[in-house]
Structures are given as structure tokens and as C-alpha cells.
Amino acid sequence: MTGALWELFFKGVWITIQLMVYSAALAAVVAFGIGLARTSRLWIVRFLSGVYVEFFRGTSALVLMFWLFFALPLLGWQLAGLWAGTLALGLSYGAYGSEVVRGSVQAVAPAQREAAIALSFTPWQRLRKVILPQAVPEMLPPFNNLLIELLKGTALASLLSIGELTFQAKLARLSTGQSAQVYGIILVLYFVIAFVVTRVMRLLERRAKASIGRAPEKSGWLSRRLPVEKQGPQVIATPGGKP
């Protein structure tokens, strides 16, 4: 493999990371917006948000990407390939993430909501100070899985001739004819990106749990253990029944 081909790979990695970050940011906004709308007291809000979820979960992200890139210009809107891919992936994975948000919010104990009401918190204060701090730690593990799936979904953008990792690998294969070596390299590169993303998400999960007083789980060598609040002295009973 020559230096020029490695330059192609690194350029593809950079565009893949950009596509993943932009799509993940859009998906997060959609997930929280639609997920919270699914818990609304107004039936029309729940209905419309449910329609969104069912539509984007039931359609192909690839077909949506093609529609945004090839069909939308017929209506007078022209999107660059990177933004068409970002929009398609963000809307699709945001629909999956919205169900994670809805389930985590509804899993918060009703007693917590009642306590916030007793303290005369407004609905926004209840959401910001009571519900979300307890729901977010439960969202992060499934969000980690969705983010890894989103990373792998960026390969679909190669069909729009976006110069991400899979597209650059195709160019390298055509240039060298070494299919096994080229695709073996990009498998490793995808794994490295996914591994780093997983480590970061687990660190965020540990911090989120520690922020609400939950002891962080033991983790691997790449994660720093967060301090756990000291417990009070334990009382040990003697055989005679006295401490």
C-alpha cells in the first residue's frame, strides 16, 4: 500500500467521522423532541409524533437518502451529498432514539414526579431537574448501540459518491486490485472508530450515574474510575446481639 492510498483512507475516515457526528447531533435533537412529545398529555401531539416514528422506522434510510439527493431537486431543493446523507441518517436514527427517550422518561418512578409537584416545580423544572437527570443514565447504553449502528450506516453514503471510508476503499480497490487487503483495512478502521466511540459513551454513562449519586460500575483500563461517596460506618452485630 502506497502513501497515496493511505491518504485516501485517512481522508475517508475524516469524512466518515464528520457524517457520523452531524447525523448523531440531528438524531439526538429529533430523539429528544419526538420522544418527549410521545409522553405529552395532548393526544394530537402523541398521535403526530407516533406517525413520525412509525414512518421513519418503517422506511429505508438508503431509499430516503436517494430521495433527498435525486428527487428533492425536482421540487426546487438541491442538497449536497454530505447533507443529504446527514439528513437521511439523522431522521431515521432519531426515530429509533425517540423510543429510547420515551421509555427512559416513563421509567422514572412516579414518586419522583409527585415529589416535584409537591415542591411546586413547573413542568419544565420537573423535566429538567428531576426527570431527565434520572432518565439520561438509562438512555446512554442504548444510545451507544444506536451510535455504533449509525457509524456503520454511514457506509450507505458511498452510493451518493460521498468520499467517506467505504467510497475511498472502493477507489483503492479499483486502483490496486487488492480486494482482501483493502477491505480488511477498512474493517479495522471501522472497528477502531467504534471502539473509541464506545469508550467515550461508557465514560459519559459513568459520569451521568455519578452525578445522581449512583455508584459507577467497574470498567476497563481505558476508563478512569470516578470517586464514590463515602458510606457511613457499618454496624456489625456480635453473637451476643450487641454491636
Protein backbone atom coordinates (compact mmCIF):
# COMPACT_ATOMS: atom_id res chain seq x y z
CA MET A 1 0.00 0.00 0.00
CA THR A 2 1.45 3.35 -1.07
CA GLY A 3 1.31 6.61 0.85
CA ALA A 4 -1.28 7.98 -1.58
CA LEU A 5 -3.65 5.12 -0.79
CA TRP A 6 -3.23 5.60 2.95
CA GLU A 7 -4.03 9.27 2.38
CA LEU A 8 -7.28 8.16 0.73
CA PHE A 9 -8.14 6.05 3.76
CA PHE A 10 -7.45 8.83 6.26
CA LYS A 11 -9.46 11.28 4.19
CA GLY A 12 -12.31 8.76 4.18
CA VAL A 13 -12.05 8.35 7.97
CA TRP A 14 -12.32 12.10 8.44
CA ILE A 15 -15.43 12.38 6.25
CA THR A 16 -16.97 9.34 7.95
CA ILE A 17 -16.46 10.95 11.36
CA GLN A 18 -17.99 14.21 10.13
CA LEU A 19 -21.01 12.38 8.73
CA MET A 20 -21.42 10.41 11.96
CA VAL A 21 -21.16 13.50 14.20
CA TYR A 22 -23.55 15.61 12.12
CA SER A 23 -26.08 12.78 11.85
CA ALA A 24 -25.80 11.95 15.54
CA ALA A 25 -26.40 15.59 16.50
CA LEU A 26 -29.53 15.74 14.33
CA ALA A 27 -30.70 12.34 15.61
CA ALA A 28 -30.26 13.48 19.23
CA VAL A 29 -32.41 16.58 18.65
CA VAL A 30 -35.07 14.50 16.91
CA ALA A 31 -34.94 11.76 19.55
CA PHE A 32 -35.47 14.12 22.48
CA GLY A 33 -38.08 16.22 20.68
CA ILE A 34 -40.17 13.31 19.43
CA GLY A 35 -39.55 11.16 22.50
CA LEU A 36 -40.80 13.83 24.88
CA ALA A 37 -43.72 14.56 22.57
CA ARG A 38 -44.69 10.89 22.87
CA THR A 39 -45.20 11.44 26.60
CA SER A 40 -47.39 14.53 26.15
CA ARG A 41 -50.84 14.73 27.71
CA LEU A 42 -52.28 16.00 24.41
CA TRP A 43 -53.44 13.14 22.23
CA ILE A 44 -52.82 15.06 19.00
CA VAL A 45 -49.15 15.56 19.95
CA ARG A 46 -48.78 11.87 20.79
CA PHE A 47 -50.52 10.91 17.55
CA LEU A 48 -48.36 13.11 15.29
CA SER A 49 -45.13 12.06 16.99
CA GLY A 50 -46.23 8.42 16.71
CA VAL A 51 -46.83 8.87 12.98
CA TYR A 52 -43.30 10.24 12.61
CA VAL A 53 -41.79 7.30 14.48
CA GLU A 54 -43.71 4.67 12.54
CA PHE A 55 -42.92 6.30 9.19
CA PHE A 56 -39.18 6.66 9.63
CA ARG A 57 -38.78 3.29 11.37
CA GLY A 58 -40.67 1.63 8.55
CA THR A 59 -38.78 3.18 5.63
CA SER A 60 -35.29 2.52 4.34
CA ALA A 61 -32.60 5.06 5.19
CA LEU A 62 -30.96 4.29 1.85
CA VAL A 63 -34.14 5.00 -0.14
CA LEU A 64 -34.67 8.19 1.87
CA MET A 65 -31.11 9.20 1.08
CA PHE A 66 -31.72 8.62 -2.63
CA TRP A 67 -34.96 10.58 -2.47
CA LEU A 68 -33.32 13.56 -0.79
CA PHE A 69 -30.42 13.57 -3.23
CA PHE A 70 -32.12 12.72 -6.54
CA ALA A 71 -35.84 13.53 -6.14
CA LEU A 72 -35.79 16.63 -3.94
CA PRO A 73 -34.09 18.75 -6.65
CA LEU A 74 -37.21 18.21 -8.79
CA LEU A 75 -39.09 20.24 -6.14
CA GLY A 76 -36.54 23.04 -6.28
CA TRP A 77 -34.23 21.98 -3.40
CA GLN A 78 -30.69 20.82 -4.10
CA LEU A 79 -28.76 19.22 -1.24
CA ALA A 80 -25.07 18.35 -1.29
CA GLY A 81 -24.37 14.65 -0.86
CA LEU A 82 -22.99 15.08 2.67
CA TRP A 83 -26.10 16.93 3.85
CA ALA A 84 -28.49 14.54 2.12
CA GLY A 85 -26.77 11.66 3.91
CA THR A 86 -26.79 13.55 7.22
CA LEU A 87 -30.50 14.35 6.94
CA ALA A 88 -31.48 10.81 5.99
CA LEU A 89 -29.46 9.16 8.74
CA GLY A 90 -30.40 11.74 11.37
CA LEU A 91 -34.13 11.47 10.72
CA SER A 92 -34.08 7.68 10.57
CA TYR A 93 -31.97 7.02 13.66
CA GLY A 94 -33.71 9.83 15.52
CA ALA A 95 -36.94 7.84 15.21
CA TYR A 96 -35.29 4.85 16.91
CA GLY A 97 -33.75 7.08 19.56
CA SER A 98 -37.10 8.69 20.35
CA GLU A 99 -38.38 5.36 21.64
CA VAL A 100 -35.35 5.13 23.91
CA VAL A 101 -36.11 8.59 25.29
CA ARG A 102 -39.81 7.81 25.76
CA GLY A 103 -39.13 4.54 27.57
CA SER A 104 -36.48 6.05 29.84
CA VAL A 105 -38.65 9.04 30.78
CA GLN A 106 -41.64 6.85 31.55
CA ALA A 107 -39.44 4.54 33.65
CA VAL A 108 -38.76 7.29 36.20
CA ALA A 109 -40.57 6.42 39.42
CA PRO A 110 -43.95 8.16 39.81
CA ALA A 111 -42.94 9.13 43.36
CA GLN A 112 -40.24 11.36 41.90
CA ARG A 113 -42.80 13.24 39.82
CA GLU A 114 -45.14 13.56 42.80
CA ALA A 115 -42.31 14.93 44.93
CA ALA A 116 -41.52 17.54 42.26
CA ILE A 117 -45.18 18.55 42.12
CA ALA A 118 -45.23 18.83 45.92
CA LEU A 119 -42.28 21.21 45.67
CA SER A 120 -44.34 23.39 43.27
CA PHE A 121 -41.99 22.81 40.34
CA THR A 122 -43.25 23.89 36.94
CA PRO A 123 -43.47 21.19 34.24
CA TRP A 124 -40.20 22.46 32.73
CA GLN A 125 -38.48 22.38 36.14
CA ARG A 126 -39.76 18.86 36.78
CA LEU A 127 -38.37 17.74 33.45
CA ARG A 128 -35.01 19.49 33.79
CA LYS A 129 -34.27 18.93 37.48
CA VAL A 130 -35.96 15.64 38.30
CA ILE A 131 -36.92 13.50 35.31
CA LEU A 132 -34.08 13.95 32.79
CA PRO A 133 -31.22 13.61 35.33
CA GLN A 134 -32.59 10.18 36.25
CA ALA A 135 -33.59 9.16 32.72
CA VAL A 136 -30.40 10.12 30.87
CA PRO A 137 -28.16 7.45 32.51
CA GLU A 138 -30.66 4.82 31.34
CA MET A 139 -30.63 6.24 27.80
CA LEU A 140 -26.88 6.14 27.28
CA PRO A 141 -26.33 2.35 26.82
CA PRO A 142 -28.97 2.03 24.05
CA PHE A 143 -27.77 5.35 22.59
CA ASN A 144 -24.30 3.80 22.42
CA ASN A 145 -25.69 0.92 20.35
CA LEU A 146 -27.55 3.32 18.06
CA LEU A 147 -24.43 5.42 17.58
CA ILE A 148 -22.44 2.35 16.51
CA GLU A 149 -25.23 1.40 14.10
CA LEU A 150 -25.18 4.96 12.78
CA LEU A 151 -21.43 4.72 12.23
CA LYS A 152 -21.93 1.59 10.13
CA GLY A 153 -24.86 3.23 8.34
CA THR A 154 -22.57 5.99 7.05
CA ALA A 155 -21.31 3.45 4.51
CA LEU A 156 -24.63 3.93 2.67
CA ALA A 157 -23.48 7.43 1.76
CA SER A 158 -20.84 5.93 -0.53
CA LEU A 159 -23.66 5.31 -3.04
CA LEU A 160 -24.04 9.09 -3.32
CA SER A 161 -20.34 9.35 -4.22
CA ILE A 162 -19.52 10.93 -0.87
CA GLY A 163 -15.83 10.41 -0.19
CA GLU A 164 -16.28 8.57 3.10
CA LEU A 165 -14.35 5.47 4.12
CA THR A 166 -16.21 2.87 2.06
CA PHE A 167 -16.12 5.03 -1.07
CA GLN A 168 -12.37 5.62 -0.69
CA ALA A 169 -11.86 1.89 -0.18
CA LYS A 170 -13.66 1.26 -3.47
CA LEU A 171 -11.29 3.66 -5.22
CA ALA A 172 -8.29 1.96 -3.61
CA ARG A 173 -9.54 -1.48 -4.69
CA LEU A 174 -10.00 -0.32 -8.27
CA SER A 175 -6.52 1.18 -8.21
CA THR A 176 -4.68 -1.81 -6.75
CA GLY A 177 -6.96 -4.78 -7.38
CA GLN A 178 -6.28 -5.98 -3.81
CA SER A 179 -9.78 -6.52 -2.51
CA ALA A 180 -8.90 -8.59 0.56
CA GLN A 181 -6.24 -6.21 1.80
CA VAL A 182 -8.23 -3.03 1.14
CA TYR A 183 -11.46 -4.20 2.73
CA GLY A 184 -9.56 -5.80 5.60
CA ILE A 185 -8.01 -2.40 6.38
CA ILE A 186 -11.32 -0.56 6.42
CA LEU A 187 -12.83 -3.25 8.67
CA VAL A 188 -10.09 -2.49 11.17
CA LEU A 189 -10.60 1.27 10.78
CA TYR A 190 -14.35 0.95 11.41
CA PHE A 191 -13.60 -1.17 14.48
CA VAL A 192 -11.15 1.41 15.85
CA ILE A 193 -13.68 4.24 15.44
CA ALA A 194 -16.43 2.15 17.05
CA PHE A 195 -14.14 1.19 19.94
CA VAL A 196 -13.27 4.83 20.68
CA VAL A 197 -16.95 5.83 20.47
CA THR A 198 -17.89 3.05 22.90
CA ARG A 199 -15.22 4.11 25.41
CA VAL A 200 -16.41 7.72 25.29
CA MET A 201 -20.07 6.74 25.70
CA ARG A 202 -19.27 4.49 28.68
CA LEU A 203 -17.36 7.31 30.32
CA LEU A 204 -20.36 9.60 29.82
CA GLU A 205 -22.59 6.92 31.31
CA ARG A 206 -20.40 6.63 34.39
CA ARG A 207 -20.37 10.39 34.88
CA ALA A 208 -24.14 10.62 34.43
CA LYS A 209 -24.69 7.92 37.06
CA ALA A 210 -22.22 9.51 39.45
CA SER A 211 -23.98 12.87 39.10
CA ILE A 212 -27.14 11.42 40.66
CA GLY A 213 -25.32 9.53 43.39
CA ARG A 214 -25.25 6.10 41.78
CA ALA A 215 -22.03 4.15 42.14
CA PRO A 216 -20.29 3.74 38.77
CA GLU A 217 -19.73 0.22 37.55
CA LYS A 218 -16.26 -1.20 37.25
CA SER A 219 -14.85 -0.58 33.78
CA GLY A 220 -11.88 -1.39 31.62
CA TRP A 221 -8.39 0.02 31.65
CA LEU A 222 -9.25 2.95 29.39
CA SER A 223 -11.84 4.46 31.75
CA ARG A 224 -10.97 6.33 34.90
CA ARG A 225 -12.86 5.30 37.99
CA LEU A 226 -14.91 8.12 39.42
CA PRO A 227 -14.90 8.69 43.18
CA VAL A 228 -17.83 7.19 45.03
CA GLU A 229 -19.33 8.95 48.01
CA LYS A 230 -18.13 7.51 51.29
CA GLN A 231 -20.62 5.46 53.20
CA GLY A 232 -21.23 5.80 56.90
CA PRO A 233 -19.71 3.40 59.39
CA GLN A 234 -21.17 -0.05 59.28
CA VAL A 235 -22.51 -1.68 62.43
CA ILE A 236 -21.61 -5.32 62.90
CA ALA A 237 -23.61 -7.33 65.39
CA THR A 238 -21.77 -9.62 67.80
CA PRO A 239 -23.05 -13.09 68.72
CA GLY A 240 -24.45 -11.61 71.93
CA GLY A 241 -26.67 -9.30 69.94
CA LYS A 242 -24.77 -6.12 70.82
CA PRO A 243 -22.99 -4.02 68.19
